[in-house]
Amino acid sequence: MKWLRILHIVSVSIWFGATACIGVLTIICFFHVSPDEFLILAPLIPELYQKAVLPVAVLTILQGIIYGSFTKWGFFKHRWVLLKWILTALMIPCVGLGTIGQLFSVINKINIGGFTGGFADGGLILLCISLQISIMLFMIGLSVLKPGKPKHHRLTSPQRINMLL
């Protein structure tokens, strides 16, 4: 299970890092390039999701299923674990409908009517990527802090004596 934990940390790091890089690439696309350069760079974003983020995300989710099935964490025993599963499910529309779907709409719009750039064309896409990154940061925080987990405390001398008796 320790190897699974290491693999889980590495895969979450890759998932988060790739999503953050896609966010930076999206900012570059909408704020720092010409329409012709946009049409070259923007199609790379769905490719990066498909080739980098999706396989690592699926691997990470499978690891979560293994953790939930074979460890004390379970799926519903701790509220913070359940919250992570809910947040993972909420990220799916952010990626599919909010980022990838909207990006294809913007590419079609640019081919037909021109490129405005900035928030006019990329506002919803940037919002969805920001939501993905924020949700992932929150989930990482949940994993580290494990809220609601009982704190280990030192027993006082009378408590130790009572335990021995």
Protein backbone atom coordinates (compact mmCIF):
# COMPACT_ATOMS: atom_id res chain seq x y z
CA MET A 1 0.00 0.00 0.00
CA LYS A 2 2.94 2.35 0.51
CA TRP A 3 3.85 1.93 -3.16
CA LEU A 4 0.27 2.73 -4.08
CA ARG A 5 0.45 5.87 -1.94
CA ILE A 6 3.66 6.94 -3.71
CA LEU A 7 2.12 6.26 -7.13
CA HIS A 8 -1.00 8.17 -6.07
CA ILE A 9 1.03 11.22 -5.00
CA VAL A 10 3.03 11.16 -8.25
CA SER A 11 -0.06 10.77 -10.45
CA VAL A 12 -1.95 13.55 -8.63
CA SER A 13 1.09 15.77 -9.05
CA ILE A 14 1.19 15.07 -12.79
CA TRP A 15 -2.57 15.63 -13.11
CA PHE A 16 -2.41 18.93 -11.23
CA GLY A 17 0.77 20.10 -12.99
CA ALA A 18 -0.58 19.29 -16.46
CA THR A 19 -3.84 21.10 -15.70
CA ALA A 20 -1.93 24.15 -14.43
CA CYS A 21 0.23 24.12 -17.59
CA ILE A 22 -2.89 23.97 -19.74
CA GLY A 23 -4.21 26.96 -17.80
CA VAL A 24 -1.04 28.91 -18.60
CA LEU A 25 -1.23 27.87 -22.25
CA THR A 26 -4.85 29.05 -22.35
CA ILE A 27 -3.88 32.44 -20.93
CA ILE A 28 -1.17 32.73 -23.57
CA CYS A 29 -3.65 31.77 -26.30
CA PHE A 30 -6.25 34.35 -25.34
CA PHE A 31 -4.05 37.24 -24.28
CA HIS A 32 -0.70 37.06 -26.04
CA VAL A 33 -1.05 35.75 -29.59
CA SER A 34 -2.50 36.77 -32.93
CA PRO A 35 -5.56 35.03 -34.41
CA ASP A 36 -3.35 32.90 -36.68
CA GLU A 37 -1.13 31.84 -33.77
CA PHE A 38 -4.26 31.13 -31.72
CA LEU A 39 -5.50 28.72 -34.36
CA ILE A 40 -2.17 26.89 -34.15
CA LEU A 41 -1.89 26.80 -30.32
CA ALA A 42 -5.52 26.36 -29.22
CA PRO A 43 -6.00 22.87 -30.75
CA LEU A 44 -3.06 21.72 -28.63
CA ILE A 45 -5.10 22.21 -25.45
CA PRO A 46 -7.59 19.36 -26.16
CA GLU A 47 -4.65 17.22 -27.31
CA LEU A 48 -2.86 17.82 -24.00
CA TYR A 49 -6.00 16.91 -22.10
CA GLN A 50 -6.42 13.74 -24.13
CA LYS A 51 -2.78 12.64 -24.11
CA ALA A 52 -1.57 13.84 -20.69
CA VAL A 53 -4.39 14.68 -18.30
CA LEU A 54 -6.97 12.02 -19.13
CA PRO A 55 -4.73 8.93 -18.70
CA VAL A 56 -3.27 10.22 -15.44
CA ALA A 57 -6.70 11.26 -14.15
CA VAL A 58 -8.13 7.80 -14.89
CA LEU A 59 -5.12 6.17 -13.18
CA THR A 60 -5.58 8.41 -10.14
CA ILE A 61 -9.30 7.61 -9.93
CA LEU A 62 -8.54 3.87 -10.19
CA GLN A 63 -6.05 4.27 -7.36
CA GLY A 64 -8.78 5.98 -5.31
CA ILE A 65 -11.09 3.06 -5.97
CA ILE A 66 -8.38 0.65 -4.80
CA TYR A 67 -7.78 2.78 -1.70
CA GLY A 68 -11.51 2.86 -0.96
CA SER A 69 -11.88 -0.88 -1.44
CA PHE A 70 -8.82 -2.20 0.37
CA THR A 71 -7.94 0.28 3.12
CA LYS A 72 -9.56 1.65 6.26
CA TRP A 73 -10.43 4.91 4.45
CA GLY A 74 -13.38 3.40 2.58
CA PHE A 75 -15.67 5.52 0.42
CA PHE A 76 -18.17 6.81 2.98
CA LYS A 77 -16.48 6.32 6.35
CA HIS A 78 -14.88 9.77 6.35
CA ARG A 79 -16.74 12.80 5.07
CA TRP A 80 -13.57 14.30 3.57
CA VAL A 81 -13.09 11.20 1.36
CA LEU A 82 -16.70 11.40 0.18
CA LEU A 83 -16.22 15.12 -0.53
CA LYS A 84 -13.18 14.30 -2.69
CA TRP A 85 -15.28 11.88 -4.76
CA ILE A 86 -18.02 14.49 -5.19
CA LEU A 87 -15.48 17.13 -6.24
CA THR A 88 -13.88 14.70 -8.69
CA ALA A 89 -17.30 14.16 -10.28
CA LEU A 90 -17.84 17.93 -10.45
CA MET A 91 -14.58 18.40 -12.35
CA ILE A 92 -15.82 16.30 -15.28
CA PRO A 93 -18.22 18.97 -16.61
CA CYS A 94 -15.52 21.63 -16.07
CA VAL A 95 -13.23 19.75 -18.43
CA GLY A 96 -15.66 18.41 -21.02
CA LEU A 97 -18.30 21.08 -21.33
CA GLY A 98 -16.49 24.07 -19.90
CA THR A 99 -13.01 23.82 -21.32
CA ILE A 100 -12.86 21.47 -24.29
CA GLY A 101 -16.37 22.08 -25.59
CA GLN A 102 -16.09 25.86 -25.26
CA LEU A 103 -12.66 25.88 -26.87
CA PHE A 104 -14.00 24.14 -29.97
CA SER A 105 -16.83 26.70 -30.07
CA VAL A 106 -14.31 29.55 -29.91
CA ILE A 107 -12.19 28.00 -32.67
CA ASN A 108 -15.30 27.72 -34.88
CA LYS A 109 -16.28 31.31 -34.05
CA ILE A 110 -12.80 32.55 -34.98
CA ASN A 111 -12.86 30.67 -38.28
CA ILE A 112 -16.20 32.29 -39.12
CA GLY A 113 -16.16 35.74 -37.56
CA GLY A 114 -12.77 36.74 -36.20
CA PHE A 115 -10.76 36.75 -33.00
CA THR A 116 -11.49 39.19 -30.20
CA GLY A 117 -9.25 37.51 -27.65
CA GLY A 118 -9.10 38.16 -23.92
CA PHE A 119 -12.08 37.48 -21.74
CA ALA A 120 -14.50 38.12 -24.61
CA ASP A 121 -13.52 34.83 -26.26
CA GLY A 122 -11.88 32.95 -23.40
CA GLY A 123 -13.71 34.02 -20.25
CA LEU A 124 -15.74 30.84 -19.75
CA ILE A 125 -12.79 28.62 -20.65
CA LEU A 126 -10.50 30.42 -18.20
CA LEU A 127 -13.21 30.22 -15.52
CA CYS A 128 -13.53 26.44 -15.99
CA ILE A 129 -9.77 25.89 -15.88
CA SER A 130 -9.56 28.07 -12.77
CA LEU A 131 -12.31 25.97 -11.18
CA GLN A 132 -10.43 22.77 -12.02
CA ILE A 133 -7.22 24.08 -10.48
CA SER A 134 -9.06 25.41 -7.40
CA ILE A 135 -10.94 22.14 -6.87
CA MET A 136 -7.72 20.16 -7.21
CA LEU A 137 -5.90 22.42 -4.72
CA PHE A 138 -8.79 22.03 -2.28
CA MET A 139 -8.73 18.23 -2.70
CA ILE A 140 -4.97 18.16 -2.11
CA GLY A 141 -5.55 20.18 1.05
CA LEU A 142 -8.24 17.72 2.17
CA SER A 143 -5.85 14.83 1.61
CA VAL A 144 -3.13 16.45 3.66
CA LEU A 145 -5.24 17.87 6.51
CA LYS A 146 -7.84 15.06 6.72
CA PRO A 147 -10.40 17.17 8.60
CA GLY A 148 -12.42 15.34 11.22
CA LYS A 149 -9.72 12.73 11.71
CA PRO A 150 -9.23 12.14 15.46
CA LYS A 151 -6.08 13.71 16.81
CA HIS A 152 -3.64 11.49 18.67
CA HIS A 153 -3.02 12.86 22.12
CA ARG A 154 -0.86 11.83 24.98
CA LEU A 155 -2.54 10.14 27.85
CA THR A 156 -2.18 11.66 31.29
CA SER A 157 -0.74 9.54 34.10
CA PRO A 158 -4.16 8.75 35.64
CA GLN A 159 -5.49 7.68 32.22
CA ARG A 160 -2.50 5.35 31.69
CA ILE A 161 -3.01 3.82 35.12
CA ASN A 162 -6.73 3.29 34.43
CA MET A 163 -5.86 1.58 31.13
CA LEU A 164 -3.50 -0.80 32.93
CA LEU A 165 -6.12 -1.72 35.50
